[in-house]
C-alpha cells in the first residue's frame, strides 16, 4: 500500500468517526453478506448502498434493526439487519 493510499484511508476513517460520532478504534467484529434475494437500494445520508451478495465488514451492532458496516470501497453506513446473512 502506498503512502498516499494509506493517508486516504486514514482520512476516510476520521470522517467516519466524526459523522457517526464513533469513538475509539475501528475494529471489524465480523463479516456478513447482503441477502441475494434483497432488493438493491441506493445509499442515503448515513446508509450504505446495498448490492445483492456483497460482503460487508460489521463495525457495530447499533440496535435490533440496523448495523453499522463498511463496504469494500471503505465507505461506512447503516444497513438494515433484516437483509444481512451470516457467513
PDB file of N, CA and C in Angstrom:
ATOM      1  N   UNK A   1       0.850  -1.181   0.000  1.00  0.00           N
ATOM      2  CA  UNK A   1       0.000   0.000   0.000  1.00  0.00           C
ATOM      3  C   UNK A   1       0.892   1.240   0.000  1.00  0.00           C
ATOM      4  N   UNK A   2       0.571   2.169  -0.851  1.00  0.00           N
ATOM      5  CA  UNK A   2       1.388   3.372  -0.953  1.00  0.00           C
ATOM      6  C   UNK A   2       1.049   4.339   0.181  1.00  0.00           C
ATOM      7  N   UNK A   3       1.903   5.291   0.382  1.00  0.00           N
ATOM      8  CA  UNK A   3       1.693   6.298   1.420  1.00  0.00           C
ATOM      9  C   UNK A   3       0.428   7.100   1.148  1.00  0.00           C
ATOM     10  N   UNK A   4       0.205   7.443  -0.116  1.00  0.00           N
ATOM     11  CA  UNK A   4      -0.968   8.226  -0.480  1.00  0.00           C
ATOM     12  C   UNK A   4      -2.256   7.447  -0.188  1.00  0.00           C
ATOM     13  N   UNK A   5      -2.278   6.165  -0.496  1.00  0.00           N
ATOM     14  CA  UNK A   5      -3.462   5.332  -0.235  1.00  0.00           C
ATOM     15  C   UNK A   5      -3.698   5.194   1.267  1.00  0.00           C
ATOM     16  N   UNK A   6      -2.632   5.061   2.024  1.00  0.00           N
ATOM     17  CA  UNK A   6      -2.743   4.958   3.480  1.00  0.00           C
ATOM     18  C   UNK A   6      -3.307   6.240   4.075  1.00  0.00           C
ATOM     19  N   UNK A   7      -2.837   7.376   3.596  1.00  0.00           N
ATOM     20  CA  UNK A   7      -3.338   8.657   4.083  1.00  0.00           C
ATOM     21  C   UNK A   7      -4.807   8.847   3.733  1.00  0.00           C
ATOM     22  N   UNK A   8      -5.202   8.392   2.547  1.00  0.00           N
ATOM     23  CA  UNK A   8      -6.601   8.492   2.127  1.00  0.00           C
ATOM     24  C   UNK A   8      -7.495   7.644   3.030  1.00  0.00           C
ATOM     25  N   UNK A   9      -7.043   6.438   3.378  1.00  0.00           N
ATOM     26  CA  UNK A   9      -7.816   5.574   4.268  1.00  0.00           C
ATOM     27  C   UNK A   9      -7.943   6.195   5.658  1.00  0.00           C
ATOM     28  N   UNK A  10      -6.873   6.772   6.159  1.00  0.00           N
ATOM     29  CA  UNK A  10      -6.920   7.419   7.472  1.00  0.00           C
ATOM     30  C   UNK A  10      -7.893   8.591   7.458  1.00  0.00           C
ATOM     31  N   UNK A  11      -7.913   9.348   6.377  1.00  0.00           N
ATOM     32  CA  UNK A  11      -8.824  10.482   6.260  1.00  0.00           C
ATOM     33  C   UNK A  11     -10.275   9.995   6.248  1.00  0.00           C
ATOM     34  N   UNK A  12     -10.559   8.925   5.500  1.00  0.00           N
ATOM     35  CA  UNK A  12     -11.911   8.373   5.447  1.00  0.00           C
ATOM     36  C   UNK A  12     -12.347   7.865   6.823  1.00  0.00           C
ATOM     37  N   UNK A  13     -11.421   7.255   7.548  1.00  0.00           N
ATOM     38  CA  UNK A  13     -11.732   6.767   8.897  1.00  0.00           C
ATOM     39  C   UNK A  13     -12.040   7.924   9.848  1.00  0.00           C
ATOM     40  N   UNK A  14     -11.290   9.019   9.750  1.00  0.00           N
ATOM     41  CA  UNK A  14     -11.557  10.185  10.594  1.00  0.00           C
ATOM     42  C   UNK A  14     -12.911  10.801  10.265  1.00  0.00           C
ATOM     43  N   UNK A  15     -13.236  10.885   8.969  1.00  0.00           N
ATOM     44  CA  UNK A  15     -14.538  11.418   8.576  1.00  0.00           C
ATOM     45  C   UNK A  15     -15.672  10.540   9.090  1.00  0.00           C
ATOM     46  N   UNK A  16     -15.461   9.224   9.044  1.00  0.00           N
ATOM     47  CA  UNK A  16     -16.458   8.290   9.572  1.00  0.00           C
ATOM     48  C   UNK A  16     -16.684   8.535  11.059  1.00  0.00           C
ATOM     49  N   UNK A  17     -15.604   8.642  11.818  1.00  0.00           N
ATOM     50  CA  UNK A  17     -15.718   8.843  13.259  1.00  0.00           C
ATOM     51  C   UNK A  17     -16.441  10.140  13.580  1.00  0.00           C
ATOM     52  N   UNK A  18     -16.210  11.173  12.814  1.00  0.00           N
ATOM     53  CA  UNK A  18     -16.867  12.456  13.040  1.00  0.00           C
ATOM     54  C   UNK A  18     -18.348  12.375  12.663  1.00  0.00           C
ATOM     55  N   UNK A  19     -18.658  11.795  11.501  1.00  0.00           N
ATOM     56  CA  UNK A  19     -20.032  11.732  11.009  1.00  0.00           C
ATOM     57  C   UNK A  19     -20.931  10.877  11.895  1.00  0.00           C
ATOM     58  N   UNK A  20     -20.424   9.747  12.365  1.00  0.00           N
ATOM     59  CA  UNK A  20     -21.225   8.817  13.154  1.00  0.00           C
ATOM     60  C   UNK A  20     -20.983   8.938  14.660  1.00  0.00           C
ATOM     61  N   UNK A  21     -20.174   9.916  15.057  1.00  0.00           N
ATOM     62  CA  UNK A  21     -19.842  10.129  16.469  1.00  0.00           C
ATOM     63  C   UNK A  21     -19.334   8.833  17.103  1.00  0.00           C
ATOM     64  N   UNK A  22     -18.420   8.189  16.397  1.00  0.00           N
ATOM     65  CA  UNK A  22     -17.846   6.912  16.811  1.00  0.00           C
ATOM     66  C   UNK A  22     -16.536   7.182  17.520  1.00  0.00           C
ATOM     67  N   UNK A  23     -16.406   6.680  18.726  1.00  0.00           N
ATOM     68  CA  UNK A  23     -15.187   6.905  19.497  1.00  0.00           C
ATOM     69  C   UNK A  23     -14.408   5.611  19.622  1.00  0.00           C
ATOM     70  N   UNK A  24     -13.107   5.723  19.707  1.00  0.00           N
ATOM     71  CA  UNK A  24     -12.251   4.554  19.830  1.00  0.00           C
ATOM     72  C   UNK A  24     -11.765   4.084  18.471  1.00  0.00           C
ATOM     73  N   UNK A  25     -11.068   2.962  18.495  1.00  0.00           N
ATOM     74  CA  UNK A  25     -10.531   2.444  17.242  1.00  0.00           C
ATOM     75  C   UNK A  25     -11.616   1.685  16.470  1.00  0.00           C
ATOM     76  N   UNK A  26     -11.471   1.668  15.177  1.00  0.00           N
ATOM     77  CA  UNK A  26     -12.433   0.980  14.316  1.00  0.00           C
ATOM     78  C   UNK A  26     -11.986  -0.474  14.199  1.00  0.00           C
ATOM     79  N   UNK A  27     -12.807  -1.368  14.721  1.00  0.00           N
ATOM     80  CA  UNK A  27     -12.497  -2.798  14.668  1.00  0.00           C
ATOM     81  C   UNK A  27     -13.625  -3.522  13.949  1.00  0.00           C
ATOM     82  N   UNK A  28     -13.255  -4.469  13.122  1.00  0.00           N
ATOM     83  CA  UNK A  28     -14.244  -5.279  12.422  1.00  0.00           C
ATOM     84  C   UNK A  28     -14.652  -6.421  13.346  1.00  0.00           C
ATOM     85  N   UNK A  29     -15.946  -6.483  13.678  1.00  0.00           N
ATOM     86  CA  UNK A  29     -16.442  -7.533  14.561  1.00  0.00           C
ATOM     87  C   UNK A  29     -16.625  -8.845  13.814  1.00  0.00           C
ATOM     88  N   UNK A  30     -17.200  -8.768  12.632  1.00  0.00           N
ATOM     89  CA  UNK A  30     -17.444  -9.941  11.805  1.00  0.00           C
ATOM     90  C   UNK A  30     -17.745  -9.481  10.389  1.00  0.00           C
ATOM     91  N   UNK A  31     -17.935 -10.418   9.512  1.00  0.00           N
ATOM     92  CA  UNK A  31     -18.352 -10.099   8.152  1.00  0.00           C
ATOM     93  C   UNK A  31     -19.706 -10.747   7.904  1.00  0.00           C
ATOM     94  N   UNK A  32     -20.553 -10.039   7.175  1.00  0.00           N
ATOM     95  CA  UNK A  32     -21.873 -10.551   6.827  1.00  0.00           C
ATOM     96  C   UNK A  32     -22.135 -10.255   5.363  1.00  0.00           C
ATOM     97  N   UNK A  33     -23.070 -11.007   4.792  1.00  0.00           N
ATOM     98  CA  UNK A  33     -23.390 -10.850   3.386  1.00  0.00           C
ATOM     99  C   UNK A  33     -24.798 -10.292   3.227  1.00  0.00           C
ATOM    100  N   UNK A  34     -24.959  -9.403   2.251  1.00  0.00           N
ATOM    101  CA  UNK A  34     -26.282  -8.883   1.920  1.00  0.00           C
ATOM    102  C   UNK A  34     -27.050 -10.020   1.230  1.00  0.00           C
ATOM    103  N   UNK A  35     -28.272 -10.237   1.653  1.00  0.00           N
ATOM    104  CA  UNK A  35     -29.119 -11.304   1.119  1.00  0.00           C
ATOM    105  C   UNK A  35     -29.221 -11.192  -0.405  1.00  0.00           C
ATOM    106  N   UNK A  36     -28.896 -12.275  -1.139  1.00  0.00           N
ATOM    107  CA  UNK A  36     -29.004 -12.232  -2.600  1.00  0.00           C
ATOM    108  C   UNK A  36     -30.432 -11.982  -3.098  1.00  0.00           C
ATOM    109  N   UNK A  37     -31.433 -12.258  -2.262  1.00  0.00           N
ATOM    110  CA  UNK A  37     -32.824 -12.042  -2.650  1.00  0.00           C
ATOM    111  C   UNK A  37     -33.307 -10.627  -2.320  1.00  0.00           C
ATOM    112  N   UNK A  38     -32.494  -9.849  -1.620  1.00  0.00           N
ATOM    113  CA  UNK A  38     -32.898  -8.495  -1.220  1.00  0.00           C
ATOM    114  C   UNK A  38     -32.893  -7.568  -2.428  1.00  0.00           C
ATOM    115  N   UNK A  39     -33.715  -6.533  -2.353  1.00  0.00           N
ATOM    116  CA  UNK A  39     -33.724  -5.545  -3.428  1.00  0.00           C
ATOM    117  C   UNK A  39     -32.547  -4.596  -3.232  1.00  0.00           C
ATOM    118  N   UNK A  40     -31.937  -4.208  -4.329  1.00  0.00           N
ATOM    119  CA  UNK A  40     -30.811  -3.278  -4.250  1.00  0.00           C
ATOM    120  C   UNK A  40     -31.335  -1.886  -3.961  1.00  0.00           C
ATOM    121  N   UNK A  41     -30.647  -1.176  -3.079  1.00  0.00           N
ATOM    122  CA  UNK A  41     -31.078   0.167  -2.689  1.00  0.00           C
ATOM    123  C   UNK A  41     -29.917   1.130  -2.824  1.00  0.00           C
ATOM    124  N   UNK A  42     -30.258   2.363  -3.141  1.00  0.00           N
ATOM    125  CA  UNK A  42     -29.261   3.418  -3.179  1.00  0.00           C
ATOM    126  C   UNK A  42     -28.996   3.877  -1.753  1.00  0.00           C
ATOM    127  N   UNK A  43     -27.807   4.317  -1.515  1.00  0.00           N
ATOM    128  CA  UNK A  43     -27.450   4.814  -0.197  1.00  0.00           C
ATOM    129  C   UNK A  43     -28.031   6.186   0.059  1.00  0.00           C
ATOM    130  N   UNK A  44     -28.162   6.507   1.333  1.00  0.00           N
ATOM    131  CA  UNK A  44     -28.641   7.818   1.724  1.00  0.00           C
ATOM    132  C   UNK A  44     -27.564   8.549   2.494  1.00  0.00           C
ATOM    133  N   UNK A  45     -27.974   9.487   3.315  1.00  0.00           N
ATOM    134  CA  UNK A  45     -27.024  10.289   4.079  1.00  0.00           C
ATOM    135  C   UNK A  45     -26.131   9.417   4.967  1.00  0.00           C
ATOM    136  N   UNK A  46     -26.733   8.531   5.710  1.00  0.00           N
ATOM    137  CA  UNK A  46     -25.963   7.676   6.611  1.00  0.00           C
ATOM    138  C   UNK A  46     -26.176   6.195   6.324  1.00  0.00           C
ATOM    139  N   UNK A  47     -26.738   5.870   5.165  1.00  0.00           N
ATOM    140  CA  UNK A  47     -26.994   4.478   4.809  1.00  0.00           C
ATOM    141  C   UNK A  47     -26.113   4.065   3.638  1.00  0.00           C
ATOM    142  N   UNK A  48     -25.648   2.823   3.698  1.00  0.00           N
ATOM    143  CA  UNK A  48     -24.836   2.284   2.615  1.00  0.00           C
ATOM    144  C   UNK A  48     -25.714   1.834   1.456  1.00  0.00           C
ATOM    145  N   UNK A  49     -25.235   1.976   0.235  1.00  0.00           N
ATOM    146  CA  UNK A  49     -25.975   1.379  -0.879  1.00  0.00           C
ATOM    147  C   UNK A  49     -25.870  -0.141  -0.774  1.00  0.00           C
ATOM    148  N   UNK A  50     -26.961  -0.833  -1.085  1.00  0.00           N
ATOM    149  CA  UNK A  50     -26.983  -2.287  -0.969  1.00  0.00           C
ATOM    150  C   UNK A  50     -26.866  -2.933  -2.329  1.00  0.00           C
ATOM    151  N   UNK A  51     -25.967  -3.907  -2.424  1.00  0.00           N
ATOM    152  CA  UNK A  51     -25.835  -4.717  -3.624  1.00  0.00           C
ATOM    153  C   UNK A  51     -25.983  -6.174  -3.219  1.00  0.00           C
ATOM    154  N   UNK A  52     -26.752  -6.916  -3.968  1.00  0.00           N
ATOM    155  CA  UNK A  52     -27.008  -8.325  -3.652  1.00  0.00           C
ATOM    156  C   UNK A  52     -25.715  -9.105  -3.559  1.00  0.00           C
ATOM    157  N   UNK A  53     -25.588  -9.902  -2.511  1.00  0.00           N
ATOM    158  CA  UNK A  53     -24.432 -10.770  -2.350  1.00  0.00           C
ATOM    159  C   UNK A  53     -23.159 -10.093  -1.899  1.00  0.00           C
ATOM    160  N   UNK A  54     -23.188  -8.799  -1.649  1.00  0.00           N
ATOM    161  CA  UNK A  54     -21.990  -8.066  -1.234  1.00  0.00           C
ATOM    162  C   UNK A  54     -21.622  -8.454   0.198  1.00  0.00           C
ATOM    163  N   UNK A  55     -20.344  -8.597   0.453  1.00  0.00           N
ATOM    164  CA  UNK A  55     -19.866  -8.923   1.793  1.00  0.00           C
ATOM    165  C   UNK A  55     -19.419  -7.631   2.466  1.00  0.00           C
ATOM    166  N   UNK A  56     -19.970  -7.385   3.662  1.00  0.00           N
ATOM    167  CA  UNK A  56     -19.693  -6.152   4.406  1.00  0.00           C
ATOM    168  C   UNK A  56     -18.994  -6.469   5.717  1.00  0.00           C
ATOM    169  N   UNK A  57     -18.121  -5.560   6.155  1.00  0.00           N
ATOM    170  CA  UNK A  57     -17.495  -5.653   7.477  1.00  0.00           C
ATOM    171  C   UNK A  57     -18.426  -5.011   8.485  1.00  0.00           C
ATOM    172  N   UNK A  58     -18.742  -5.732   9.557  1.00  0.00           N
ATOM    173  CA  UNK A  58     -19.600  -5.196  10.610  1.00  0.00           C
ATOM    174  C   UNK A  58     -18.725  -4.462  11.628  1.00  0.00           C
ATOM    175  N   UNK A  59     -19.023  -3.188  11.825  1.00  0.00           N
ATOM    176  CA  UNK A  59     -18.271  -2.364  12.771  1.00  0.00           C
ATOM    177  C   UNK A  59     -18.978  -2.330  14.123  1.00  0.00           C
ATOM    178  N   UNK A  60     -20.316  -2.228  14.101  1.00  0.00           N
ATOM    179  CA  UNK A  60     -21.066  -2.127  15.355  1.00  0.00           C
ATOM    180  C   UNK A  60     -22.512  -2.580  15.131  1.00  0.00           C
ATOM    181  N   UNK A  61     -23.024  -3.367  16.081  1.00  0.00           N
ATOM    182  CA  UNK A  61     -24.448  -3.704  16.088  1.00  0.00           C
ATOM    183  C   UNK A  61     -25.137  -2.583  16.855  1.00  0.00           C
ATOM    184  N   UNK A  62     -25.740  -1.620  16.153  1.00  0.00           N
ATOM    185  CA  UNK A  62     -26.276  -0.428  16.801  1.00  0.00           C
ATOM    186  C   UNK A  62     -27.581  -0.704  17.532  1.00  0.00           C
ATOM    187  N   UNK A  63     -28.496  -1.418  16.904  1.00  0.00           N
ATOM    188  CA  UNK A  63     -29.739  -1.804  17.555  1.00  0.00           C
ATOM    189  C   UNK A  63     -30.289  -3.024  16.835  1.00  0.00           C
ATOM    190  N   UNK A  64     -31.520  -3.412  17.128  1.00  0.00           N
ATOM    191  CA  UNK A  64     -32.078  -4.627  16.545  1.00  0.00           C
ATOM    192  C   UNK A  64     -32.421  -4.462  15.070  1.00  0.00           C
ATOM    193  N   UNK A  65     -32.476  -3.240  14.584  1.00  0.00           N
ATOM    194  CA  UNK A  65     -32.891  -3.008  13.204  1.00  0.00           C
ATOM    195  C   UNK A  65     -31.757  -2.628  12.266  1.00  0.00           C
ATOM    196  N   UNK A  66     -30.681  -2.053  12.779  1.00  0.00           N
ATOM    197  CA  UNK A  66     -29.602  -1.570  11.916  1.00  0.00           C
ATOM    198  C   UNK A  66     -28.236  -2.007  12.414  1.00  0.00           C
ATOM    199  N   UNK A  67     -27.327  -2.130  11.452  1.00  0.00           N
ATOM    200  CA  UNK A  67     -25.941  -2.477  11.735  1.00  0.00           C
ATOM    201  C   UNK A  67     -25.061  -1.426  11.060  1.00  0.00           C
ATOM    202  N   UNK A  68     -24.019  -1.014  11.729  1.00  0.00           N
ATOM    203  CA  UNK A  68     -23.049  -0.087  11.147  1.00  0.00           C
ATOM    204  C   UNK A  68     -21.993  -0.921  10.428  1.00  0.00           C
ATOM    205  N   UNK A  69     -21.860  -0.705   9.113  1.00  0.00           N
ATOM    206  CA  UNK A  69     -20.983  -1.541   8.288  1.00  0.00           C
ATOM    207  C   UNK A  69     -20.042  -0.711   7.428  1.00  0.00           C
ATOM    208  N   UNK A  70     -19.069  -1.421   6.856  1.00  0.00           N
ATOM    209  CA  UNK A  70     -18.122  -0.833   5.904  1.00  0.00           C
ATOM    210  C   UNK A  70     -18.087  -1.741   4.681  1.00  0.00           C
ATOM    211  N   UNK A  71     -18.140  -1.140   3.480  1.00  0.00           N
ATOM    212  CA  UNK A  71     -18.096  -1.953   2.268  1.00  0.00           C
ATOM    213  C   UNK A  71     -16.666  -2.046   1.738  1.00  0.00           C
ATOM    214  N   UNK A  72     -16.498  -2.664   0.593  1.00  0.00           N
ATOM    215  CA  UNK A  72     -15.163  -2.879   0.041  1.00  0.00           C
ATOM    216  C   UNK A  72     -14.488  -1.589  -0.417  1.00  0.00           C
ATOM    217  N   UNK A  73     -15.265  -0.522  -0.655  1.00  0.00           N
ATOM    218  CA  UNK A  73     -14.687   0.772  -1.025  1.00  0.00           C
ATOM    219  C   UNK A  73     -14.390   1.634   0.197  1.00  0.00           C
ATOM    220  N   UNK A  74     -14.424   1.040   1.373  1.00  0.00           N
ATOM    221  CA  UNK A  74     -14.187   1.709   2.668  1.00  0.00           C
ATOM    222  C   UNK A  74     -15.201   2.818   2.933  1.00  0.00           C
ATOM    223  N   UNK A  75     -16.418   2.649   2.452  1.00  0.00           N
ATOM    224  CA  UNK A  75     -17.498   3.575   2.779  1.00  0.00           C
ATOM    225  C   UNK A  75     -18.260   2.978   3.948  1.00  0.00           C
ATOM    226  N   UNK A  76     -18.704   3.850   4.840  1.00  0.00           N
ATOM    227  CA  UNK A  76     -19.389   3.432   6.048  1.00  0.00           C
ATOM    228  C   UNK A  76     -20.851   3.845   6.000  1.00  0.00           C
ATOM    229  N   UNK A  77     -21.693   3.091   6.701  1.00  0.00           N
ATOM    230  CA  UNK A  77     -23.091   3.460   6.782  1.00  0.00           C
ATOM    231  C   UNK A  77     -23.917   2.387   7.461  1.00  0.00           C
ATOM    232  N   UNK A  78     -25.180   2.730   7.693  1.00  0.00           N
ATOM    233  CA  UNK A  78     -26.098   1.795   8.321  1.00  0.00           C
ATOM    234  C   UNK A  78     -26.717   0.881   7.275  1.00  0.00           C
ATOM    235  N   UNK A  79     -26.965  -0.369   7.688  1.00  0.00           N
ATOM    236  CA  UNK A  79     -27.601  -1.365   6.836  1.00  0.00           C
ATOM    237  C   UNK A  79     -28.696  -2.022   7.661  1.00  0.00           C
ATOM    238  N   UNK A  80     -29.894  -2.243   7.078  1.00  0.00           N
ATOM    239  CA  UNK A  80     -30.946  -2.935   7.827  1.00  0.00           C
ATOM    240  C   UNK A  80     -30.515  -4.377   8.160  1.00  0.00           C
ATOM    241  N   UNK A  81     -30.691  -4.760   9.395  1.00  0.00           N
ATOM    242  CA  UNK A  81     -30.281  -6.085   9.831  1.00  0.00           C
ATOM    243  C   UNK A  81     -31.104  -7.179   9.142  1.00  0.00           C
ATOM    244  N   UNK A  82     -32.304  -6.854   8.693  1.00  0.00           N
ATOM    245  CA  UNK A  82     -33.184  -7.841   8.065  1.00  0.00           C
ATOM    246  C   UNK A  82     -32.619  -8.376   6.747  1.00  0.00           C
ATOM    247  N   UNK A  83     -31.761  -7.615   6.063  1.00  0.00           N
ATOM    248  CA  UNK A  83     -31.221  -8.066   4.784  1.00  0.00           C
ATOM    249  C   UNK A  83     -29.829  -8.673   4.901  1.00  0.00           C
ATOM    250  N   UNK A  84     -29.338  -8.862   6.113  1.00  0.00           N
ATOM    251  CA  UNK A  84     -27.996  -9.380   6.322  1.00  0.00           C
ATOM    252  C   UNK A  84     -28.038 -10.868   6.676  1.00  0.00           C
ATOM    253  N   UNK A  85     -27.078 -11.612   6.138  1.00  0.00           N
ATOM    254  CA  UNK A  85     -26.950 -13.034   6.419  1.00  0.00           C
ATOM    255  C   UNK A  85     -25.556 -13.311   6.967  1.00  0.00           C
ATOM    256  N   UNK A  86     -25.448 -14.179   7.966  1.00  0.00           N
ATOM    257  CA  UNK A  86     -24.117 -14.522   8.471  1.00  0.00           C
ATOM    258  C   UNK A  86     -23.349 -15.351   7.437  1.00  0.00           C
ATOM    259  N   UNK A  87     -22.043 -15.265   7.445  1.00  0.00           N
ATOM    260  CA  UNK A  87     -21.224 -16.059   6.522  1.00  0.00           C
ATOM    261  C   UNK A  87     -20.987 -17.433   7.088  1.00  0.00           C
TER     262      UNK A  87
END
